[in-house]
Amino acid sequence: MEYKKIYEEWLENPYFDEETKKELLSMKDNEEEIQDRFYKELEFGTAGLRGKIGAGTNRMNLHIIGRVTQGLADFIIEKGQEYMKRGVVIAYDCRHFSKEFAKRTALVLAANGIVAYLFESLRPTPELSFAVRHLRAASGIVVTASHNPKDYNGYKVYWEEGSQIISEVADGITQKIHNISDFSHVKIIEEEMAKEKELLKIIGKEIDDLYIEKVKELSLREDIDKDIKIVYTPLNGTGNIPVRRVLKERGFKNIEVVKEQENPDPDFTTVGYPNPEDTKAFLYAQKLGKKIKADLLIATDPDCDRLGVMVKDESGEYVSLNGNQVGAIFIDYILKSKKDIKNGYIVKSIVTGDLGKNIAKSYQVKTYETLTGFKNICGKVNELEEEGKEKFLFGYEESIGYVAGTFVRDKDGVIAAMLICEGAAYYKKQGKSLLDILEEIYKEHGYYQEKLISLVLEGIEGQKRIKRMMEVYRKEYPTEIGEKKIAKYMDYGQEKAFDFLKQQEEKVEIPVSDVLKFLFDDGSWYAIRPSGTEPKIKIYIYTKGDTIEEAQDKIKEMESVIMEKLNEVK
């Protein structure tokens, strides 16, 4: 009953404010709620922190934010005066308490003698990455829970390259956080004092202007139909101003914004789950699209680092394109439009489909694969940049994250929005839609299909079951599915693979991660992994066929076998 002891300590500790204690007292008879809030601490890792808002060690609140920031400050201080002067850039999104969490972060850093650059109002996550690089800051923080439901918030940490922290840095910060045994050790300074000492600097327009100019420099063509009709929804998040601005400055004349989802709304009243990967998030956009006969619908998530796309078909209905399909369209468009692709490369995650890789190969462009997440995709760009022999062209993953250029080291919904509108406008001038282009790609490279299944298993028992599923599947996986025989089994958690055709074990040359991947002799494959940020276990299924129907039938067959096996684990 350790959690009960910690709960009582919070109630008795004079450090905690009355509002926190009042919230905790309101659940004194709810044992399950107390346990969920105090059975563990929110884990800090390469994805930073993410959790439900509320009082407790397993929640996002000012006290947890303060302690984590103190840990980060201690880590930076150990790096020396230069890092302290270079400082930390802080951005935040539209969620409940985002502004308060960002300000607390800035004041804790300032109290430790570290310069804090705080954006004056909400900004997209990719602009934070840009600002870290532009200001040559030591680190960056964005307060966001991305596309999670309204009762969540998060805290993502970036390092000096402008990309999310890698394991080595995360481990160092984690150690410093664990060394803070008492919340009273967290330093804080008054806002006015921080400004007087020039330790708190408010930033905004200058960074915005530079960022937008860099985005526009990624434009590839002017022979486009700028009258193309586009509906955009920022899903009540941070994308509204930068996305509309960049499209307007690129000359697009027919951009309609979903009014109900235009302005910040931390409750996401019209959408609930603000994830543009889910077609339900496009409900209002589709309604407006049909009204104005739009060619293209686009949506960015609340922190504007991801982009969802829907395209009008011949019947006037809107068809959703998934991350693999949009990624393939991007790669084809970029490689056919860019003047110099020699020694170029793209980067994708290991759970992203192979269609983009095949397109790149047809242009003699190399593909690198990394673990899931843009911290790894951009981490690869950082690594290759040091060698200086190859040129980064594009990075993406199936969960609708994309980036081009090197001035942002994270997925970027502003860049993606501009490029997809430009591509759609280019093809429209030729009398084609993005659906026509996708069909052309399939005819040339084969019909690739995919399905992502997410099993949501919340709470302590859910976590335990996810762990059991991974343990069981490691030992007992199907070696045949229909007529397909397994060709290779890859266990990224144990850094090994087994080639069934050669009957030999191999080493996996990618950092350790709890991911299992199974490749079959017909080119189909699937992967299983627990989500790093949500209470889910994810199953990615990929197939290839001579027709779309053949590829889809293979998916059904594989899904049936995989899910039966996983559901046996209780």
Protein backbone atom coordinates (compact mmCIF):
# COMPACT_ATOMS: atom_id res chain seq x y z
CA MET A 1 0.00 0.00 0.00
CA GLU A 2 2.93 2.34 -0.75
CA TYR A 3 0.65 4.51 -2.92
CA LYS A 4 -1.61 5.26 0.07
CA LYS A 5 1.39 6.40 2.09
CA ILE A 6 2.50 8.79 -0.67
CA TYR A 7 -1.08 10.10 -0.97
CA GLU A 8 -1.12 10.90 2.74
CA GLU A 9 2.31 12.54 2.53
CA TRP A 10 0.99 14.91 -0.15
CA LEU A 11 -1.96 15.79 2.10
CA GLU A 12 0.28 16.51 5.09
CA ASN A 13 3.17 18.22 3.31
CA PRO A 14 3.01 22.04 3.81
CA TYR A 15 4.73 22.47 0.39
CA PHE A 16 1.56 21.57 -1.52
CA ASP A 17 -1.05 24.28 -2.04
CA GLU A 18 -4.60 24.15 -0.71
CA GLU A 19 -6.08 23.62 -4.20
CA THR A 20 -4.02 20.43 -4.60
CA LYS A 21 -5.02 19.16 -1.16
CA LYS A 22 -8.68 19.95 -1.81
CA GLU A 23 -8.55 17.88 -5.01
CA LEU A 24 -6.89 14.99 -3.17
CA LEU A 25 -9.39 15.09 -0.29
CA SER A 26 -12.27 14.85 -2.77
CA MET A 27 -11.18 11.27 -3.57
CA LYS A 28 -10.45 10.07 -0.03
CA ASP A 29 -13.08 7.31 -0.34
CA ASN A 30 -12.08 6.27 -3.84
CA GLU A 31 -9.30 3.73 -3.37
CA GLU A 32 -9.01 2.97 -7.09
CA GLU A 33 -8.51 6.65 -8.00
CA ILE A 34 -5.90 7.15 -5.23
CA GLN A 35 -4.03 4.08 -6.45
CA ASP A 36 -4.05 5.22 -10.08
CA ARG A 37 -2.72 8.67 -9.14
CA PHE A 38 0.03 7.48 -6.78
CA TYR A 39 1.03 3.90 -7.68
CA LYS A 40 3.93 5.25 -9.78
CA GLU A 41 5.61 8.44 -10.93
CA LEU A 42 5.03 9.69 -14.47
CA GLU A 43 7.99 8.26 -16.32
CA PHE A 44 10.40 10.68 -17.94
CA GLY A 45 12.00 9.35 -21.11
CA THR A 46 12.88 10.24 -24.68
CA ALA A 47 9.25 11.26 -25.21
CA GLY A 48 9.44 13.45 -22.08
CA LEU A 49 6.32 13.25 -19.92
CA ARG A 50 2.70 12.68 -20.85
CA GLY A 51 -0.29 11.97 -18.64
CA LYS A 52 -3.66 13.03 -17.35
CA ILE A 53 -3.90 16.44 -15.68
CA GLY A 54 -4.48 16.38 -11.92
CA ALA A 55 -2.89 16.06 -8.49
CA GLY A 56 -0.62 13.09 -7.84
CA THR A 57 2.69 11.57 -8.85
CA ASN A 58 1.12 9.84 -11.87
CA ARG A 59 -0.44 13.06 -13.16
CA MET A 60 0.57 16.26 -14.93
CA ASN A 61 0.57 19.19 -12.50
CA LEU A 62 2.68 22.23 -11.55
CA HIS A 63 4.60 20.28 -8.91
CA ILE A 64 5.61 17.45 -11.25
CA ILE A 65 6.50 20.02 -13.95
CA GLY A 66 8.63 21.93 -11.41
CA ARG A 67 10.51 18.83 -10.27
CA VAL A 68 11.22 17.62 -13.82
CA THR A 69 12.40 21.10 -14.83
CA GLN A 70 14.69 21.24 -11.81
CA GLY A 71 16.17 17.92 -12.96
CA LEU A 72 16.71 19.36 -16.44
CA ALA A 73 18.26 22.49 -14.91
CA ASP A 74 20.66 20.40 -12.81
CA PHE A 75 21.64 18.48 -15.96
CA ILE A 76 22.31 21.72 -17.89
CA ILE A 77 24.23 23.29 -14.99
CA GLU A 78 26.53 20.28 -14.99
CA LYS A 79 27.29 21.05 -18.65
CA GLY A 80 28.68 24.46 -17.63
CA GLN A 81 28.16 28.19 -18.05
CA GLU A 82 28.05 28.12 -21.83
CA TYR A 83 24.98 25.85 -21.83
CA MET A 84 23.31 27.95 -19.13
CA LYS A 85 23.79 31.13 -21.18
CA ARG A 86 22.58 29.49 -24.38
CA GLY A 87 19.41 28.72 -22.49
CA VAL A 88 16.19 26.83 -23.14
CA VAL A 89 13.34 27.71 -25.54
CA ILE A 90 9.79 27.00 -24.28
CA ALA A 91 6.61 26.71 -26.36
CA TYR A 92 3.14 25.49 -25.47
CA ASP A 93 -0.14 24.48 -27.10
CA CYS A 94 -3.84 25.16 -26.45
CA ARG A 95 -4.48 22.61 -23.71
CA HIS A 96 -5.65 23.11 -20.16
CA PHE A 97 -2.73 24.41 -18.04
CA SER A 98 -0.29 24.51 -20.97
CA LYS A 99 0.41 28.20 -20.42
CA GLU A 100 0.80 27.74 -16.65
CA PHE A 101 3.09 24.72 -17.08
CA ALA A 102 5.22 26.64 -19.60
CA LYS A 103 5.56 29.64 -17.29
CA ARG A 104 6.46 27.42 -14.31
CA THR A 105 9.11 25.76 -16.48
CA ALA A 106 10.59 29.14 -17.45
CA LEU A 107 10.68 30.41 -13.85
CA VAL A 108 12.34 27.27 -12.49
CA LEU A 109 15.03 27.48 -15.18
CA ALA A 110 15.54 31.21 -14.50
CA ALA A 111 15.82 30.56 -10.77
CA ASN A 112 18.71 28.23 -11.60
CA GLY A 113 20.50 30.91 -13.62
CA ILE A 114 19.52 29.42 -16.99
CA VAL A 115 18.17 31.75 -19.68
CA ALA A 116 14.56 30.89 -20.59
CA TYR A 117 13.13 31.96 -23.98
CA LEU A 118 9.35 31.77 -23.60
CA PHE A 119 7.00 32.18 -26.56
CA GLU A 120 4.46 34.96 -25.95
CA SER A 121 1.52 32.72 -26.88
CA LEU A 122 0.84 29.25 -28.23
CA ARG A 123 3.02 27.99 -31.10
CA PRO A 124 3.31 24.75 -33.10
CA THR A 125 5.80 22.15 -31.93
CA PRO A 126 7.94 22.33 -35.10
CA GLU A 127 8.51 26.05 -34.58
CA LEU A 128 9.99 25.20 -31.18
CA SER A 129 12.46 22.89 -32.92
CA PHE A 130 13.32 25.66 -35.37
CA ALA A 131 13.76 28.20 -32.54
CA VAL A 132 16.18 25.93 -30.65
CA ARG A 133 18.39 25.73 -33.74
CA HIS A 134 18.04 29.40 -34.69
CA LEU A 135 18.82 30.71 -31.17
CA ARG A 136 21.56 28.11 -30.69
CA ALA A 137 19.85 27.17 -27.43
CA ALA A 138 21.04 24.26 -25.30
CA SER A 139 17.60 22.75 -25.07
CA GLY A 140 13.92 23.23 -25.80
CA ILE A 141 10.63 22.27 -24.18
CA VAL A 142 7.14 22.15 -25.61
CA VAL A 143 4.15 21.70 -23.34
CA THR A 144 1.71 19.57 -25.34
CA ALA A 145 -0.08 16.25 -25.36
CA SER A 146 -0.22 16.27 -29.16
CA HIS A 147 -3.40 14.50 -30.28
CA ASN A 148 -4.39 12.95 -26.92
CA PRO A 149 -7.85 13.61 -25.41
CA LYS A 150 -8.58 16.85 -23.54
CA ASP A 151 -7.73 15.60 -20.04
CA TYR A 152 -4.08 14.97 -21.01
CA ASN A 153 -1.03 17.19 -21.19
CA GLY A 154 2.65 16.58 -21.78
CA TYR A 155 6.19 17.96 -21.66
CA LYS A 156 8.57 17.18 -24.54
CA VAL A 157 12.27 17.98 -24.25
CA TYR A 158 14.59 18.83 -27.15
CA TRP A 159 18.36 19.07 -27.23
CA GLU A 160 20.69 21.48 -28.99
CA GLU A 161 20.28 19.94 -32.47
CA GLY A 162 16.57 20.83 -32.30
CA SER A 163 15.47 17.20 -32.13
CA GLN A 164 13.88 15.36 -29.22
CA ILE A 165 16.33 14.06 -26.66
CA ILE A 166 17.97 10.69 -27.23
CA SER A 167 18.24 8.00 -24.55
CA GLU A 168 21.66 9.13 -23.31
CA VAL A 169 20.37 12.65 -22.52
CA ALA A 170 17.04 11.36 -21.19
CA ASP A 171 18.85 8.99 -18.80
CA GLY A 172 21.04 11.82 -17.53
CA ILE A 173 18.02 14.07 -16.87
CA THR A 174 16.11 11.17 -15.27
CA GLN A 175 18.96 10.60 -12.83
CA LYS A 176 18.87 14.27 -11.82
CA ILE A 177 15.08 14.11 -11.34
CA HIS A 178 15.42 11.05 -9.11
CA ASN A 179 18.00 12.89 -7.01
CA ILE A 180 15.32 15.44 -6.02
CA SER A 181 13.80 13.68 -3.04
CA ASP A 182 11.79 16.68 -1.80
CA PHE A 183 9.66 19.08 -3.85
CA SER A 184 10.90 21.97 -1.71
CA HIS A 185 14.31 21.59 -3.44
CA VAL A 186 12.75 22.93 -6.64
CA LYS A 187 13.91 26.53 -7.15
CA ILE A 188 11.60 29.25 -8.47
CA ILE A 189 11.86 33.00 -9.07
CA GLU A 190 9.28 35.77 -9.50
CA GLU A 191 8.50 36.61 -13.14
CA GLU A 192 9.50 40.30 -12.89
CA MET A 193 12.77 39.44 -11.16
CA ALA A 194 13.56 36.89 -13.89
CA LYS A 195 12.98 39.55 -16.56
CA GLU A 196 15.09 42.13 -14.69
CA LYS A 197 17.97 39.67 -14.51
CA GLU A 198 17.50 38.94 -18.24
CA LEU A 199 16.93 35.30 -17.45
CA LEU A 200 13.39 35.34 -18.89
CA LYS A 201 13.07 36.54 -22.49
CA ILE A 202 9.74 36.64 -24.31
CA ILE A 203 9.93 35.71 -28.00
CA GLY A 204 7.43 35.71 -30.87
CA LYS A 205 7.10 37.56 -34.16
CA GLU A 206 10.76 37.58 -35.19
CA ILE A 207 10.97 33.79 -34.86
CA ASP A 208 7.59 33.39 -36.64
CA ASP A 209 8.75 35.40 -39.64
CA LEU A 210 12.03 33.53 -40.00
CA TYR A 211 10.32 30.15 -39.64
CA ILE A 212 7.67 30.92 -42.29
CA GLU A 213 10.34 32.14 -44.73
CA LYS A 214 12.28 28.88 -44.29
CA VAL A 215 9.11 26.84 -44.88
CA LYS A 216 8.39 28.74 -48.11
CA GLU A 217 11.94 28.05 -49.32
CA LEU A 218 10.96 24.37 -49.53
CA SER A 219 8.52 25.11 -52.37
CA LEU A 220 9.32 23.04 -55.42
CA ARG A 221 7.09 24.32 -58.21
CA GLU A 222 5.29 27.41 -59.48
CA ASP A 223 3.48 25.66 -62.35
CA ILE A 224 0.53 24.91 -60.09
CA ASP A 225 -3.19 25.71 -59.97
CA LYS A 226 -3.38 28.19 -57.08
CA ASP A 227 -7.18 28.29 -57.43
CA ILE A 228 -7.46 24.74 -56.07
CA LYS A 229 -10.18 24.60 -53.39
CA ILE A 230 -8.88 23.50 -50.00
CA VAL A 231 -10.58 23.10 -46.61
CA TYR A 232 -8.31 23.32 -43.57
CA THR A 233 -9.06 22.53 -39.94
CA PRO A 234 -6.51 23.18 -37.19
CA LEU A 235 -8.71 21.11 -34.83
CA ASN A 236 -8.73 24.04 -32.37
CA GLY A 237 -4.95 23.87 -32.06
CA THR A 238 -1.77 25.80 -32.85
CA GLY A 239 -1.76 25.39 -36.63
CA ASN A 240 -4.40 27.99 -37.47
CA ILE A 241 -2.11 31.03 -37.85
CA PRO A 242 1.10 29.50 -39.36
CA VAL A 243 -0.62 27.11 -41.81
CA ARG A 244 -3.00 29.78 -43.13
CA ARG A 245 -0.17 32.28 -43.33
CA VAL A 246 2.17 30.05 -45.33
CA LEU A 247 -0.59 29.01 -47.76
CA LYS A 248 -1.65 32.62 -48.26
CA GLU A 249 1.92 33.75 -48.85
CA ARG A 250 2.36 30.91 -51.36
CA GLY A 251 -0.53 32.41 -53.30
CA PHE A 252 -3.33 29.93 -52.61
CA LYS A 253 -6.59 31.83 -53.04
CA ASN A 254 -9.31 29.36 -52.04
CA ILE A 255 -8.52 28.21 -48.52
CA GLU A 256 -11.61 27.80 -46.32
CA VAL A 257 -11.16 27.18 -42.60
CA VAL A 258 -13.62 25.19 -40.47
CA LYS A 259 -14.98 28.01 -38.28
CA GLU A 260 -16.02 25.71 -35.42
CA GLN A 261 -12.43 24.40 -35.15
CA GLU A 262 -10.55 27.59 -36.01
CA ASN A 263 -9.75 29.01 -32.57
CA PRO A 264 -8.07 27.35 -29.56
CA ASP A 265 -10.39 25.15 -27.50
CA PRO A 266 -8.79 23.02 -24.77
CA ASP A 267 -11.96 20.91 -24.54
CA PHE A 268 -11.97 20.11 -28.28
CA THR A 269 -15.76 20.47 -28.09
CA THR A 270 -16.45 19.64 -31.74
CA VAL A 271 -14.04 16.75 -32.09
CA GLY A 272 -13.40 15.05 -28.72
CA TYR A 273 -10.34 13.11 -29.84
CA PRO A 274 -8.34 15.63 -31.90
CA ASN A 275 -6.41 13.12 -33.98
CA PRO A 276 -6.37 13.81 -37.75
CA GLU A 277 -5.39 10.16 -38.28
CA ASP A 278 -9.00 9.35 -37.33
CA THR A 279 -11.47 10.23 -40.11
CA LYS A 280 -14.03 11.26 -37.45
CA ALA A 281 -11.87 14.35 -36.89
CA PHE A 282 -12.80 15.40 -40.46
CA LEU A 283 -16.57 15.48 -39.87
CA TYR A 284 -16.85 19.29 -39.98
CA ALA A 285 -14.24 19.59 -42.73
CA GLN A 286 -16.16 17.14 -44.94
CA LYS A 287 -19.40 19.05 -44.43
CA LEU A 288 -17.70 22.32 -45.46
CA GLY A 289 -15.86 20.56 -48.28
CA LYS A 290 -19.08 19.32 -49.85
CA LYS A 291 -20.63 22.76 -49.50
CA ILE A 292 -17.83 24.49 -51.44
CA LYS A 293 -16.87 21.44 -53.59
CA ALA A 294 -13.32 21.40 -52.20
CA ASP A 295 -10.67 19.28 -53.93
CA LEU A 296 -8.66 18.65 -50.78
CA LEU A 297 -9.25 18.54 -47.00
CA ILE A 298 -6.33 18.90 -44.59
CA ALA A 299 -6.15 18.82 -40.79
CA THR A 300 -3.34 19.39 -38.31
CA ASP A 301 -3.36 18.04 -34.76
CA PRO A 302 -3.37 20.43 -31.74
CA ASP A 303 0.42 20.98 -31.68
CA CYS A 304 0.55 21.03 -35.50
CA ASP A 305 3.27 18.45 -36.00
CA ARG A 306 1.07 15.97 -37.90
CA LEU A 307 -1.10 16.28 -41.00
CA GLY A 308 -4.21 14.37 -42.04
CA VAL A 309 -5.40 14.38 -45.67
CA MET A 310 -8.68 13.60 -47.45
CA VAL A 311 -9.21 13.85 -51.22
CA LYS A 312 -12.41 14.19 -53.26
CA ASP A 313 -13.10 11.20 -55.48
CA GLU A 314 -15.07 11.06 -58.76
CA SER A 315 -18.39 10.69 -56.93
CA GLY A 316 -17.79 13.81 -54.83
CA GLU A 317 -17.12 11.85 -51.63
CA TYR A 318 -13.93 12.32 -49.58
CA VAL A 319 -11.42 9.50 -49.26
CA SER A 320 -8.93 9.43 -46.39
CA LEU A 321 -5.26 8.85 -47.19
CA ASN A 322 -3.17 7.19 -44.49
CA GLY A 323 0.40 8.09 -43.53
CA ASN A 324 2.00 5.52 -45.81
CA GLN A 325 0.01 6.72 -48.81
CA VAL A 326 0.67 10.41 -48.18
CA GLY A 327 4.35 9.61 -47.55
CA ALA A 328 4.55 7.80 -50.91
CA ILE A 329 2.91 10.76 -52.69
CA PHE A 330 5.35 13.16 -50.99
CA ILE A 331 8.39 11.08 -51.94
CA ASP A 332 7.29 10.74 -55.56
CA TYR A 333 6.50 14.48 -55.82
CA ILE A 334 9.70 15.64 -54.10
CA LEU A 335 12.01 13.34 -56.07
CA LYS A 336 10.47 14.16 -59.44
CA SER A 337 10.44 17.91 -58.67
CA LYS A 338 13.76 18.50 -56.92
CA LYS A 339 16.63 19.46 -59.22
CA ASP A 340 19.41 17.77 -57.26
CA ILE A 341 18.77 14.46 -55.55
CA LYS A 342 22.24 12.96 -56.05
CA ASN A 343 23.54 11.44 -52.78
CA GLY A 344 20.12 12.13 -51.28
CA TYR A 345 18.36 9.92 -48.77
CA ILE A 346 15.03 9.53 -46.99
CA VAL A 347 14.39 8.20 -43.49
CA LYS A 348 11.43 6.17 -42.28
CA SER A 349 10.58 4.12 -39.20
CA ILE A 350 10.69 0.32 -39.05
CA VAL A 351 6.88 0.16 -38.74
CA THR A 352 6.32 2.36 -41.80
CA GLY A 353 5.46 0.61 -45.09
CA ASP A 354 7.91 -0.14 -47.89
CA LEU A 355 6.15 1.66 -50.78
CA GLY A 356 8.06 4.91 -50.14
CA LYS A 357 11.29 2.95 -49.96
CA ASN A 358 10.60 1.37 -53.37
CA ILE A 359 9.78 4.74 -54.92
CA ALA A 360 13.05 6.16 -53.55
CA LYS A 361 14.94 3.17 -54.95
CA SER A 362 13.51 3.85 -58.42
CA TYR A 363 15.09 7.32 -58.21
CA GLN A 364 18.35 5.79 -56.91
CA VAL A 365 17.78 7.43 -53.52
CA LYS A 366 18.77 5.54 -50.37
CA THR A 367 16.37 4.80 -47.49
CA TYR A 368 17.47 4.58 -43.86
CA GLU A 369 15.24 2.93 -41.26
CA THR A 370 15.04 3.82 -37.57
CA LEU A 371 12.99 3.00 -34.52
CA THR A 372 9.55 4.60 -34.25
CA GLY A 373 9.41 8.31 -33.50
CA PHE A 374 10.89 11.44 -34.98
CA LYS A 375 13.50 11.59 -32.24
CA ASN A 376 14.99 8.59 -34.06
CA ILE A 377 14.25 9.77 -37.62
CA CYS A 378 15.84 13.18 -36.99
CA GLY A 379 18.49 11.54 -34.82
CA LYS A 380 19.57 9.68 -37.97
CA VAL A 381 19.67 13.00 -39.85
CA ASN A 382 21.87 14.47 -37.08
CA GLU A 383 24.20 11.48 -37.30
CA LEU A 384 24.53 11.57 -41.10
CA GLU A 385 24.92 15.35 -41.14
CA GLU A 386 28.11 14.98 -39.10
CA GLU A 387 29.53 12.68 -41.78
CA GLY A 388 28.54 15.25 -44.44
CA LYS A 389 28.48 12.84 -47.39
CA GLU A 390 24.74 12.54 -47.99
CA LYS A 391 21.85 14.96 -48.32
CA PHE A 392 18.59 14.62 -46.38
CA LEU A 393 15.48 14.86 -48.60
CA PHE A 394 12.51 13.65 -46.57
CA GLY A 395 11.56 11.85 -43.34
CA TYR A 396 8.23 10.26 -42.43
CA GLU A 397 6.36 7.63 -40.49
CA GLU A 398 3.01 5.93 -40.93
CA SER A 399 1.42 7.92 -38.07
CA ILE A 400 1.05 10.96 -40.41
CA GLY A 401 4.31 12.69 -39.45
CA TYR A 402 6.47 14.24 -42.22
CA VAL A 403 9.41 16.62 -42.56
CA ALA A 404 11.50 18.09 -45.37
CA GLY A 405 14.43 20.49 -45.07
CA THR A 406 16.93 20.58 -42.23
CA PHE A 407 15.89 23.68 -40.27
CA VAL A 408 13.33 21.68 -38.26
CA ARG A 409 14.33 18.41 -36.61
CA ASP A 410 10.87 17.05 -35.91
CA LYS A 411 7.73 16.24 -37.85
CA ASP A 412 6.15 19.42 -39.15
CA GLY A 413 2.49 19.97 -40.00
CA VAL A 414 3.18 23.43 -41.46
CA ILE A 415 5.75 22.12 -43.96
CA ALA A 416 3.56 19.11 -44.77
CA ALA A 417 0.47 21.29 -45.31
CA MET A 418 2.30 23.56 -47.74
CA LEU A 419 3.84 20.68 -49.73
CA ILE A 420 0.64 18.59 -49.98
CA CYS A 421 -1.33 21.63 -51.19
CA GLU A 422 1.41 22.44 -53.68
CA GLY A 423 1.51 18.84 -54.93
CA ALA A 424 -2.29 18.66 -55.24
CA ALA A 425 -2.29 21.99 -57.10
CA TYR A 426 0.44 20.78 -59.47
CA TYR A 427 -1.45 17.61 -60.32
CA LYS A 428 -4.77 19.48 -60.64
CA LYS A 429 -3.19 21.60 -63.38
CA GLN A 430 -2.58 18.28 -65.18
CA GLY A 431 -6.22 17.24 -64.65
CA LYS A 432 -5.34 14.72 -61.92
CA SER A 433 -6.14 14.31 -58.22
CA LEU A 434 -3.92 12.83 -55.52
CA LEU A 435 -6.02 9.65 -55.82
CA ASP A 436 -5.05 9.42 -59.50
CA ILE A 437 -1.39 9.84 -58.56
CA LEU A 438 -1.65 7.15 -55.89
CA GLU A 439 -3.16 4.76 -58.45
CA GLU A 440 -0.29 5.52 -60.86
CA ILE A 441 2.21 4.77 -58.05
CA TYR A 442 0.45 1.46 -57.28
CA LYS A 443 0.47 0.43 -60.95
CA GLU A 444 4.20 1.04 -61.13
CA HIS A 445 5.29 -0.36 -57.77
CA GLY A 446 2.57 -2.83 -56.75
CA TYR A 447 -0.53 -2.51 -54.58
CA TYR A 448 0.67 -1.96 -51.03
CA GLN A 449 -1.97 -2.09 -48.31
CA GLU A 450 -1.76 -1.72 -44.55
CA LYS A 451 -3.76 -1.81 -41.37
CA LEU A 452 -2.96 -0.46 -37.91
CA ILE A 453 -4.75 -2.05 -34.96
CA SER A 454 -4.51 -0.39 -31.56
CA LEU A 455 -5.65 -2.34 -28.50
CA VAL A 456 -6.34 0.16 -25.70
CA LEU A 457 -5.64 -1.39 -22.27
CA GLU A 458 -5.72 1.27 -19.56
CA GLY A 459 -4.61 1.26 -15.92
CA ILE A 460 -2.29 -1.06 -14.00
CA GLU A 461 -3.94 -4.25 -15.23
CA GLY A 462 -3.81 -2.99 -18.80
CA GLN A 463 -0.07 -2.36 -18.51
CA LYS A 464 0.48 -5.83 -17.11
CA ARG A 465 -1.52 -7.45 -19.90
CA ILE A 466 0.42 -5.57 -22.60
CA LYS A 467 3.65 -6.82 -21.02
CA ARG A 468 2.33 -10.41 -20.95
CA MET A 469 1.26 -10.16 -24.61
CA MET A 470 4.78 -9.16 -25.65
CA GLU A 471 6.37 -11.91 -23.52
CA VAL A 472 4.09 -14.63 -24.89
CA TYR A 473 4.35 -13.52 -28.52
CA ARG A 474 8.15 -13.51 -28.32
CA LYS A 475 8.08 -17.23 -27.63
CA GLU A 476 4.96 -18.38 -29.48
CA TYR A 477 4.44 -16.73 -32.86
CA PRO A 478 2.87 -18.28 -36.01
CA THR A 479 5.40 -19.41 -38.61
CA GLU A 480 2.72 -19.79 -41.32
CA ILE A 481 -0.31 -17.68 -42.17
CA GLY A 482 -2.33 -19.19 -45.01
CA GLU A 483 0.15 -19.97 -47.77
CA LYS A 484 2.66 -17.45 -46.44
CA LYS A 485 5.70 -18.82 -44.64
CA ILE A 486 7.82 -16.78 -42.27
CA ALA A 487 11.10 -15.60 -43.79
CA LYS A 488 12.56 -13.54 -40.94
CA TYR A 489 11.78 -12.78 -37.30
CA MET A 490 13.25 -9.60 -35.80
CA ASP A 491 13.30 -8.88 -32.08
CA TYR A 492 14.50 -5.31 -31.56
CA GLY A 493 14.21 -5.76 -27.79
CA GLN A 494 16.90 -8.42 -27.83
CA GLU A 495 18.86 -6.98 -30.80
CA LYS A 496 18.60 -10.16 -32.80
CA ALA A 497 16.90 -11.61 -35.85
CA PHE A 498 16.48 -15.12 -37.22
CA ASP A 499 16.55 -15.73 -40.97
CA PHE A 500 14.39 -18.81 -41.60
CA LEU A 501 15.54 -19.16 -45.22
CA LYS A 502 19.23 -19.26 -44.28
CA GLN A 503 18.52 -20.86 -40.90
CA GLN A 504 20.84 -18.46 -39.11
CA GLU A 505 20.69 -15.84 -36.39
CA GLU A 506 21.65 -12.25 -37.19
CA LYS A 507 22.28 -9.09 -35.20
CA VAL A 508 19.83 -6.18 -35.50
CA GLU A 509 21.71 -2.93 -36.12
CA ILE A 510 19.12 -0.65 -34.50
CA PRO A 511 19.03 0.44 -30.82
CA VAL A 512 17.08 -1.67 -28.34
CA SER A 513 13.30 -1.22 -28.40
CA ASP A 514 10.38 -3.46 -27.45
CA VAL A 515 9.31 -4.22 -31.03
CA LEU A 516 8.74 -7.55 -32.78
CA LYS A 517 8.65 -7.76 -36.59
CA PHE A 518 7.76 -10.76 -38.77
CA LEU A 519 8.56 -10.88 -42.51
CA PHE A 520 6.97 -13.46 -44.85
CA ASP A 521 8.12 -14.99 -48.12
CA ASP A 522 5.58 -13.04 -50.24
CA GLY A 523 6.78 -9.64 -48.98
CA SER A 524 4.03 -9.26 -46.37
CA TRP A 525 5.02 -8.39 -42.82
CA TYR A 526 3.69 -7.25 -39.48
CA ALA A 527 5.06 -5.68 -36.33
CA ILE A 528 3.88 -5.52 -32.71
CA ARG A 529 4.92 -2.96 -30.11
CA PRO A 530 3.58 -1.24 -27.00
CA SER A 531 2.95 2.49 -27.49
CA GLY A 532 5.51 4.70 -25.78
CA THR A 533 3.01 7.46 -24.96
CA GLU A 534 -0.43 5.83 -24.66
CA PRO A 535 -1.92 2.73 -22.94
CA LYS A 536 -1.97 0.71 -26.16
CA ILE A 537 -0.39 -2.24 -27.87
CA LYS A 538 -0.08 -1.58 -31.62
CA ILE A 539 -0.16 -4.08 -34.47
CA TYR A 540 1.02 -2.96 -37.92
CA ILE A 541 0.09 -5.23 -40.86
CA TYR A 542 1.52 -4.71 -44.37
CA THR A 543 0.84 -6.62 -47.58
CA LYS A 544 1.54 -6.31 -51.30
CA GLY A 545 -0.50 -7.71 -54.18
CA ASP A 546 -0.98 -7.50 -57.93
CA THR A 547 -4.39 -6.00 -57.21
CA ILE A 548 -5.76 -3.99 -54.31
CA GLU A 549 -8.24 -6.80 -53.53
CA GLU A 550 -5.46 -9.39 -53.26
CA ALA A 551 -3.48 -7.18 -50.86
CA GLN A 552 -6.60 -6.53 -48.73
CA ASP A 553 -7.49 -10.23 -48.55
CA LYS A 554 -4.01 -10.93 -47.22
CA ILE A 555 -4.54 -8.31 -44.49
CA LYS A 556 -7.79 -9.98 -43.34
CA GLU A 557 -6.08 -13.36 -43.21
CA MET A 558 -3.12 -12.04 -41.21
CA GLU A 559 -5.27 -9.99 -38.84
CA SER A 560 -7.41 -13.00 -37.95
CA VAL A 561 -4.40 -15.15 -36.97
CA ILE A 562 -2.50 -12.39 -35.10
CA MET A 563 -5.49 -11.14 -33.10
CA GLU A 564 -6.56 -14.66 -32.11
CA LYS A 565 -3.08 -15.26 -30.73
CA LEU A 566 -2.95 -11.95 -28.82
CA ASN A 567 -6.48 -12.29 -27.40
CA GLU A 568 -5.55 -15.66 -25.89
CA VAL A 569 -3.27 -13.75 -23.49
CA LYS A 570 -5.35 -12.69 -20.49
